[in-house]
């Protein structure tokens, strides 16, 4: 074969469809996403720690959500992606990163990490959401 690939492989070109147009994925059409934020307080109702809303006319790719707390035994976490609640009232024992292997998200989809104190104890929670937008 007269190409740079071994004979037993197949070359595949990946394109992204935005609306009705196919847009080839290039580094120029990708924008990194990294939302890092903090909540500090004593609220026993969920408070937003970090969130990302996929912009209009692009496709979002969720890569990872990370969380940590100043008091793990006194912190409940909640993670919502679009209309799906992945978990609520979840306690963890230490810093946690959840990889998502580039889950595709439609424009307007919201990824929201929230936390609350279990009993009014003061907590400081850090969260991070990373990914990319292609369009």
N, C-alpha and C. Protein backbone atom coordinates (compact mmCIF):
# COMPACT_ATOMS: atom_id res chain seq x y z
N UNK A 1 0.83 -1.18 0.00
CA UNK A 1 0.00 0.00 0.00
C UNK A 1 0.88 1.24 0.00
N UNK A 2 0.47 2.26 -0.71
CA UNK A 2 1.27 3.48 -0.82
C UNK A 2 0.77 4.55 0.15
N UNK A 3 0.75 4.24 1.42
CA UNK A 3 0.43 5.26 2.43
C UNK A 3 1.24 4.98 3.68
N UNK A 4 1.04 5.79 4.70
CA UNK A 4 1.84 5.65 5.91
C UNK A 4 1.25 4.69 6.93
N UNK A 5 0.20 3.96 6.55
CA UNK A 5 -0.44 3.03 7.46
C UNK A 5 -0.12 1.59 7.09
N UNK A 6 -0.03 0.69 8.08
CA UNK A 6 0.16 -0.73 7.75
C UNK A 6 -1.03 -1.26 6.95
N UNK A 7 -0.81 -2.31 6.16
CA UNK A 7 -1.84 -2.86 5.28
C UNK A 7 -3.09 -3.32 6.04
N UNK A 8 -2.97 -3.75 7.27
CA UNK A 8 -4.10 -4.31 8.01
C UNK A 8 -4.91 -3.24 8.76
N UNK A 9 -4.60 -1.97 8.56
CA UNK A 9 -5.33 -0.91 9.26
C UNK A 9 -6.18 -0.10 8.29
N UNK A 10 -7.10 0.63 8.83
CA UNK A 10 -8.00 1.46 8.04
C UNK A 10 -7.92 2.89 8.55
N UNK A 11 -7.73 3.85 7.68
CA UNK A 11 -7.69 5.25 8.08
C UNK A 11 -9.12 5.76 8.24
N UNK A 12 -9.37 6.41 9.37
CA UNK A 12 -10.70 6.93 9.66
C UNK A 12 -10.58 8.42 9.91
N UNK A 13 -11.40 9.20 9.24
CA UNK A 13 -11.44 10.65 9.46
C UNK A 13 -12.63 10.96 10.36
N UNK A 14 -12.39 11.68 11.42
CA UNK A 14 -13.45 12.03 12.37
C UNK A 14 -13.95 13.44 12.06
N UNK A 15 -15.27 13.57 11.99
CA UNK A 15 -15.87 14.89 11.82
C UNK A 15 -16.94 15.07 12.89
N UNK A 16 -17.22 16.32 13.16
CA UNK A 16 -18.25 16.68 14.13
C UNK A 16 -19.36 17.38 13.37
N UNK A 17 -20.61 17.01 13.68
CA UNK A 17 -21.75 17.67 13.05
C UNK A 17 -22.31 18.69 14.02
N UNK A 18 -22.33 19.95 13.59
CA UNK A 18 -22.90 21.03 14.38
C UNK A 18 -24.08 21.57 13.58
N UNK A 19 -25.27 21.42 14.15
CA UNK A 19 -26.46 21.74 13.37
C UNK A 19 -26.60 20.72 12.28
N UNK A 20 -26.49 21.17 11.03
CA UNK A 20 -26.54 20.25 9.89
C UNK A 20 -25.23 20.20 9.13
N UNK A 21 -24.22 20.93 9.61
CA UNK A 21 -22.93 20.99 8.92
C UNK A 21 -21.91 20.09 9.57
N UNK A 22 -21.13 19.39 8.74
CA UNK A 22 -20.03 18.59 9.28
C UNK A 22 -18.79 19.48 9.35
N UNK A 23 -18.17 19.48 10.51
CA UNK A 23 -16.98 20.29 10.74
C UNK A 23 -15.84 19.34 11.12
N UNK A 24 -14.77 19.30 10.33
CA UNK A 24 -13.67 18.42 10.72
C UNK A 24 -13.03 18.93 12.00
N UNK A 25 -12.65 17.98 12.87
CA UNK A 25 -12.03 18.34 14.13
C UNK A 25 -10.57 18.72 13.88
N UNK A 26 -10.21 19.92 14.25
CA UNK A 26 -8.84 20.39 14.18
C UNK A 26 -8.53 21.09 15.48
N UNK A 27 -7.28 21.31 15.72
CA UNK A 27 -6.93 22.01 16.96
C UNK A 27 -7.50 23.42 16.97
N UNK A 28 -7.73 24.01 15.79
CA UNK A 28 -8.29 25.36 15.72
C UNK A 28 -9.76 25.39 16.10
N UNK A 29 -10.45 24.24 16.02
CA UNK A 29 -11.88 24.22 16.35
C UNK A 29 -12.16 23.73 17.76
N UNK A 30 -11.10 23.45 18.54
CA UNK A 30 -11.25 22.97 19.90
C UNK A 30 -10.91 24.08 20.90
N UNK A 31 -11.72 24.17 21.95
CA UNK A 31 -11.43 25.11 23.03
C UNK A 31 -11.41 24.34 24.35
N UNK A 32 -10.35 24.48 25.13
CA UNK A 32 -10.30 23.77 26.40
C UNK A 32 -11.29 24.35 27.41
N UNK A 33 -11.77 23.51 28.29
CA UNK A 33 -12.67 23.92 29.37
C UNK A 33 -12.04 23.47 30.68
N UNK A 34 -11.93 24.39 31.63
CA UNK A 34 -11.45 24.04 32.96
C UNK A 34 -12.11 25.00 33.95
N UNK A 35 -13.14 24.52 34.60
CA UNK A 35 -13.87 25.32 35.59
C UNK A 35 -13.42 24.89 36.98
N UNK A 36 -12.81 25.79 37.70
CA UNK A 36 -12.32 25.50 39.05
C UNK A 36 -12.95 26.53 39.98
N UNK A 37 -13.56 26.06 41.06
CA UNK A 37 -14.17 27.00 41.99
C UNK A 37 -14.23 26.39 43.37
N UNK A 38 -14.76 27.17 44.31
CA UNK A 38 -14.78 26.78 45.72
C UNK A 38 -16.08 27.22 46.37
N UNK A 39 -16.53 26.41 47.31
CA UNK A 39 -17.63 26.80 48.19
C UNK A 39 -17.11 26.69 49.62
N UNK A 40 -17.37 27.72 50.44
CA UNK A 40 -17.04 27.67 51.85
C UNK A 40 -18.26 28.14 52.63
N UNK A 41 -18.70 27.35 53.59
CA UNK A 41 -19.85 27.75 54.37
C UNK A 41 -20.38 26.63 55.23
N UNK A 42 -21.59 26.87 55.77
CA UNK A 42 -22.22 25.92 56.70
C UNK A 42 -23.59 25.45 56.22
N UNK A 43 -23.94 25.80 54.97
CA UNK A 43 -25.28 25.47 54.46
C UNK A 43 -25.53 23.96 54.46
N UNK A 44 -26.75 23.58 54.85
CA UNK A 44 -27.14 22.18 54.80
C UNK A 44 -27.99 21.89 53.56
N UNK A 45 -28.13 22.88 52.69
CA UNK A 45 -28.74 22.69 51.37
C UNK A 45 -27.62 22.79 50.35
N UNK A 46 -27.79 22.12 49.21
CA UNK A 46 -26.72 22.07 48.22
C UNK A 46 -26.36 23.44 47.67
N UNK A 47 -25.05 23.70 47.62
CA UNK A 47 -24.50 24.93 47.07
C UNK A 47 -23.57 24.55 45.92
N UNK A 48 -23.60 25.34 44.85
CA UNK A 48 -22.77 25.06 43.69
C UNK A 48 -21.29 25.24 44.03
N UNK A 49 -20.50 24.26 43.64
CA UNK A 49 -19.06 24.34 43.80
C UNK A 49 -18.42 24.73 42.47
N UNK A 50 -18.79 24.04 41.41
CA UNK A 50 -18.27 24.34 40.06
C UNK A 50 -19.30 23.91 39.04
N UNK A 51 -19.37 24.65 37.92
CA UNK A 51 -20.30 24.25 36.85
C UNK A 51 -19.76 24.67 35.50
N UNK A 52 -20.27 23.99 34.48
CA UNK A 52 -19.92 24.29 33.08
C UNK A 52 -21.17 24.11 32.25
N UNK A 53 -21.48 25.12 31.44
CA UNK A 53 -22.58 25.03 30.48
C UNK A 53 -21.96 25.00 29.09
N UNK A 54 -22.24 23.95 28.32
CA UNK A 54 -21.70 23.83 26.97
C UNK A 54 -22.27 24.98 26.12
N UNK A 55 -21.39 25.70 25.47
CA UNK A 55 -21.78 26.87 24.67
C UNK A 55 -22.65 26.47 23.48
N UNK A 56 -23.32 27.48 22.89
CA UNK A 56 -24.17 27.25 21.72
C UNK A 56 -23.32 26.89 20.51
N UNK A 57 -23.87 26.07 19.65
CA UNK A 57 -23.27 25.68 18.37
C UNK A 57 -21.95 24.92 18.51
N UNK A 58 -21.75 24.24 19.62
CA UNK A 58 -20.58 23.38 19.79
C UNK A 58 -21.00 22.08 20.45
N UNK A 59 -20.11 21.12 20.42
CA UNK A 59 -20.30 19.87 21.16
C UNK A 59 -19.31 19.89 22.30
N UNK A 60 -19.75 19.54 23.49
CA UNK A 60 -18.87 19.48 24.65
C UNK A 60 -18.38 18.07 24.87
N UNK A 61 -17.17 17.97 25.35
CA UNK A 61 -16.59 16.67 25.70
C UNK A 61 -16.13 16.77 27.15
N UNK A 62 -16.83 16.07 28.04
CA UNK A 62 -16.49 16.07 29.45
C UNK A 62 -15.34 15.10 29.70
N UNK A 63 -14.27 15.59 30.30
CA UNK A 63 -13.10 14.75 30.56
C UNK A 63 -13.02 14.29 32.00
N UNK A 64 -13.27 15.22 32.95
CA UNK A 64 -13.06 14.85 34.35
C UNK A 64 -13.79 15.80 35.29
N UNK A 65 -14.20 15.27 36.43
CA UNK A 65 -14.74 16.06 37.53
C UNK A 65 -13.95 15.66 38.78
N UNK A 66 -13.44 16.67 39.50
CA UNK A 66 -12.66 16.40 40.71
C UNK A 66 -13.25 17.18 41.87
N UNK A 67 -13.06 16.63 43.09
CA UNK A 67 -13.60 17.28 44.27
C UNK A 67 -12.74 16.97 45.48
N UNK A 68 -12.71 17.92 46.40
CA UNK A 68 -12.06 17.70 47.69
C UNK A 68 -12.69 18.61 48.72
N UNK A 69 -12.53 18.26 49.99
CA UNK A 69 -13.17 19.00 51.08
C UNK A 69 -12.23 19.14 52.27
N UNK A 70 -12.47 20.17 53.05
CA UNK A 70 -11.70 20.37 54.28
C UNK A 70 -12.16 19.40 55.37
N UNK A 71 -13.37 18.84 55.22
CA UNK A 71 -13.91 17.90 56.20
C UNK A 71 -14.77 16.87 55.48
N UNK A 72 -14.15 15.79 55.03
CA UNK A 72 -14.86 14.80 54.21
C UNK A 72 -16.04 14.16 54.93
N UNK A 73 -15.92 13.92 56.22
CA UNK A 73 -17.00 13.26 56.95
C UNK A 73 -18.20 14.18 57.15
N UNK A 74 -18.02 15.48 56.93
CA UNK A 74 -19.11 16.46 57.11
C UNK A 74 -19.60 17.04 55.79
N UNK A 75 -19.19 16.43 54.65
CA UNK A 75 -19.54 16.97 53.34
C UNK A 75 -20.29 15.94 52.51
N UNK A 76 -21.44 16.35 51.98
CA UNK A 76 -22.17 15.56 50.99
C UNK A 76 -21.94 16.20 49.63
N UNK A 77 -21.71 15.37 48.61
CA UNK A 77 -21.52 15.84 47.24
C UNK A 77 -22.69 15.42 46.37
N UNK A 78 -22.92 16.23 45.32
CA UNK A 78 -23.96 15.94 44.32
C UNK A 78 -23.39 16.31 42.96
N UNK A 79 -23.58 15.42 41.98
CA UNK A 79 -23.12 15.67 40.62
C UNK A 79 -24.29 15.48 39.67
N UNK A 80 -24.56 16.52 38.88
CA UNK A 80 -25.65 16.49 37.89
C UNK A 80 -25.06 16.82 36.52
N UNK A 81 -25.37 15.98 35.53
CA UNK A 81 -24.97 16.23 34.15
C UNK A 81 -26.23 16.25 33.32
N UNK A 82 -26.59 17.42 32.80
CA UNK A 82 -27.84 17.58 32.07
C UNK A 82 -29.00 17.28 32.99
N UNK A 83 -29.87 16.37 32.58
CA UNK A 83 -31.04 16.00 33.38
C UNK A 83 -30.78 14.78 34.26
N UNK A 84 -29.53 14.31 34.29
CA UNK A 84 -29.20 13.10 35.04
C UNK A 84 -28.42 13.43 36.31
N UNK A 85 -28.94 13.00 37.44
CA UNK A 85 -28.21 13.12 38.70
C UNK A 85 -27.39 11.85 38.86
N UNK A 86 -26.06 11.99 38.80
CA UNK A 86 -25.19 10.82 38.92
C UNK A 86 -25.10 10.34 40.35
N UNK A 87 -25.04 11.27 41.30
CA UNK A 87 -25.10 10.90 42.71
C UNK A 87 -25.50 12.11 43.53
N UNK A 88 -26.06 11.80 44.71
CA UNK A 88 -26.45 12.83 45.67
C UNK A 88 -26.21 12.27 47.08
N UNK A 89 -25.92 13.16 48.01
CA UNK A 89 -25.59 12.76 49.40
C UNK A 89 -24.46 11.73 49.43
N UNK A 90 -23.46 11.94 48.59
CA UNK A 90 -22.30 11.03 48.50
C UNK A 90 -21.18 11.58 49.38
N UNK A 91 -20.65 10.74 50.26
CA UNK A 91 -19.48 11.11 51.04
C UNK A 91 -18.27 10.39 50.45
N UNK A 92 -17.10 11.04 50.55
CA UNK A 92 -15.86 10.44 50.07
C UNK A 92 -14.83 10.54 51.19
N UNK A 93 -13.77 9.75 51.11
CA UNK A 93 -12.77 9.73 52.18
C UNK A 93 -11.56 10.60 51.91
N UNK A 94 -11.42 11.08 50.68
CA UNK A 94 -10.28 11.89 50.31
C UNK A 94 -10.53 12.51 48.94
N UNK A 95 -9.56 13.25 48.42
CA UNK A 95 -9.73 13.87 47.09
C UNK A 95 -10.12 12.81 46.06
N UNK A 96 -11.05 13.17 45.19
CA UNK A 96 -11.55 12.22 44.19
C UNK A 96 -11.60 12.88 42.82
N UNK A 97 -11.08 12.19 41.82
CA UNK A 97 -11.20 12.61 40.42
C UNK A 97 -11.95 11.51 39.67
N UNK A 98 -12.96 11.92 38.93
CA UNK A 98 -13.76 10.97 38.16
C UNK A 98 -13.52 11.22 36.68
N UNK A 99 -12.82 10.31 35.99
CA UNK A 99 -12.61 10.49 34.55
C UNK A 99 -13.85 10.07 33.77
N UNK A 100 -14.14 10.80 32.70
CA UNK A 100 -15.31 10.49 31.88
C UNK A 100 -14.96 10.10 30.45
N UNK A 101 -13.70 10.05 30.09
CA UNK A 101 -13.25 9.60 28.77
C UNK A 101 -13.97 10.31 27.64
N UNK A 102 -14.04 11.62 27.73
CA UNK A 102 -14.61 12.46 26.67
C UNK A 102 -16.06 12.14 26.33
N UNK A 103 -16.91 12.11 27.33
CA UNK A 103 -18.35 11.94 27.13
C UNK A 103 -18.87 13.14 26.34
N UNK A 104 -19.61 12.89 25.25
CA UNK A 104 -20.14 13.97 24.43
C UNK A 104 -21.37 14.59 25.07
N UNK A 105 -21.42 15.93 25.05
CA UNK A 105 -22.54 16.67 25.61
C UNK A 105 -23.07 17.65 24.57
N UNK A 106 -24.37 17.74 24.46
CA UNK A 106 -25.00 18.66 23.50
C UNK A 106 -24.87 20.10 23.99
N UNK A 107 -25.01 21.03 23.07
CA UNK A 107 -24.96 22.44 23.44
C UNK A 107 -26.02 22.73 24.50
N UNK A 108 -25.68 23.58 25.44
CA UNK A 108 -26.61 23.94 26.51
C UNK A 108 -26.63 22.98 27.69
N UNK A 109 -25.95 21.84 27.59
CA UNK A 109 -25.92 20.90 28.70
C UNK A 109 -25.11 21.50 29.85
N UNK A 110 -25.63 21.33 31.07
CA UNK A 110 -24.97 21.86 32.25
C UNK A 110 -24.38 20.72 33.07
N UNK A 111 -23.12 20.87 33.45
CA UNK A 111 -22.47 19.96 34.38
C UNK A 111 -22.31 20.74 35.68
N UNK A 112 -22.87 20.23 36.77
CA UNK A 112 -22.86 20.97 38.03
C UNK A 112 -22.43 20.06 39.19
N UNK A 113 -21.38 20.48 39.88
CA UNK A 113 -20.92 19.82 41.10
C UNK A 113 -21.35 20.69 42.27
N UNK A 114 -22.06 20.10 43.22
CA UNK A 114 -22.55 20.83 44.39
C UNK A 114 -22.14 20.10 45.65
N UNK A 115 -22.17 20.83 46.77
CA UNK A 115 -21.84 20.24 48.06
C UNK A 115 -22.67 20.90 49.15
N UNK A 116 -22.80 20.18 50.26
CA UNK A 116 -23.49 20.74 51.43
C UNK A 116 -22.88 20.15 52.69
N UNK A 117 -23.04 20.88 53.77
CA UNK A 117 -22.61 20.38 55.07
C UNK A 117 -23.65 19.37 55.56
N UNK A 118 -23.19 18.30 56.17
CA UNK A 118 -24.11 17.28 56.66
C UNK A 118 -24.91 17.77 57.86
N UNK A 119 -24.32 18.68 58.65
CA UNK A 119 -24.96 19.07 59.90
C UNK A 119 -24.75 20.54 60.30
N UNK A 120 -24.32 21.38 59.35
CA UNK A 120 -24.08 22.79 59.66
C UNK A 120 -22.64 23.09 60.03
N UNK A 121 -21.78 22.08 60.03
CA UNK A 121 -20.35 22.28 60.26
C UNK A 121 -19.78 23.09 59.10
N UNK A 122 -18.85 23.97 59.38
CA UNK A 122 -18.19 24.76 58.34
C UNK A 122 -17.32 23.85 57.46
N UNK A 123 -17.50 23.96 56.14
CA UNK A 123 -16.71 23.18 55.19
C UNK A 123 -16.16 24.11 54.10
N UNK A 124 -15.04 23.72 53.55
CA UNK A 124 -14.49 24.38 52.37
C UNK A 124 -14.29 23.29 51.33
N UNK A 125 -14.96 23.46 50.18
CA UNK A 125 -14.95 22.43 49.14
C UNK A 125 -14.42 23.03 47.84
N UNK A 126 -13.49 22.33 47.22
CA UNK A 126 -12.96 22.72 45.91
C UNK A 126 -13.44 21.73 44.87
N UNK A 127 -13.75 22.24 43.69
CA UNK A 127 -14.20 21.37 42.60
C UNK A 127 -13.61 21.80 41.29
N UNK A 128 -13.46 20.84 40.37
CA UNK A 128 -12.94 21.11 39.05
C UNK A 128 -13.68 20.28 38.03
N UNK A 129 -14.03 20.93 36.90
CA UNK A 129 -14.66 20.26 35.77
C UNK A 129 -13.79 20.58 34.56
N UNK A 130 -13.34 19.55 33.85
CA UNK A 130 -12.51 19.80 32.67
C UNK A 130 -13.07 19.07 31.46
N UNK A 131 -12.74 19.60 30.31
CA UNK A 131 -13.17 19.02 29.05
C UNK A 131 -12.78 19.92 27.90
N UNK A 132 -13.56 19.86 26.83
CA UNK A 132 -13.30 20.74 25.68
C UNK A 132 -14.60 20.95 24.93
N UNK A 133 -14.62 22.04 24.15
CA UNK A 133 -15.74 22.33 23.26
C UNK A 133 -15.21 22.32 21.83
N UNK A 134 -15.95 21.64 20.94
CA UNK A 134 -15.54 21.52 19.55
C UNK A 134 -16.67 22.07 18.68
N UNK A 135 -16.31 22.97 17.80
CA UNK A 135 -17.36 23.53 16.95
C UNK A 135 -16.88 24.36 15.84
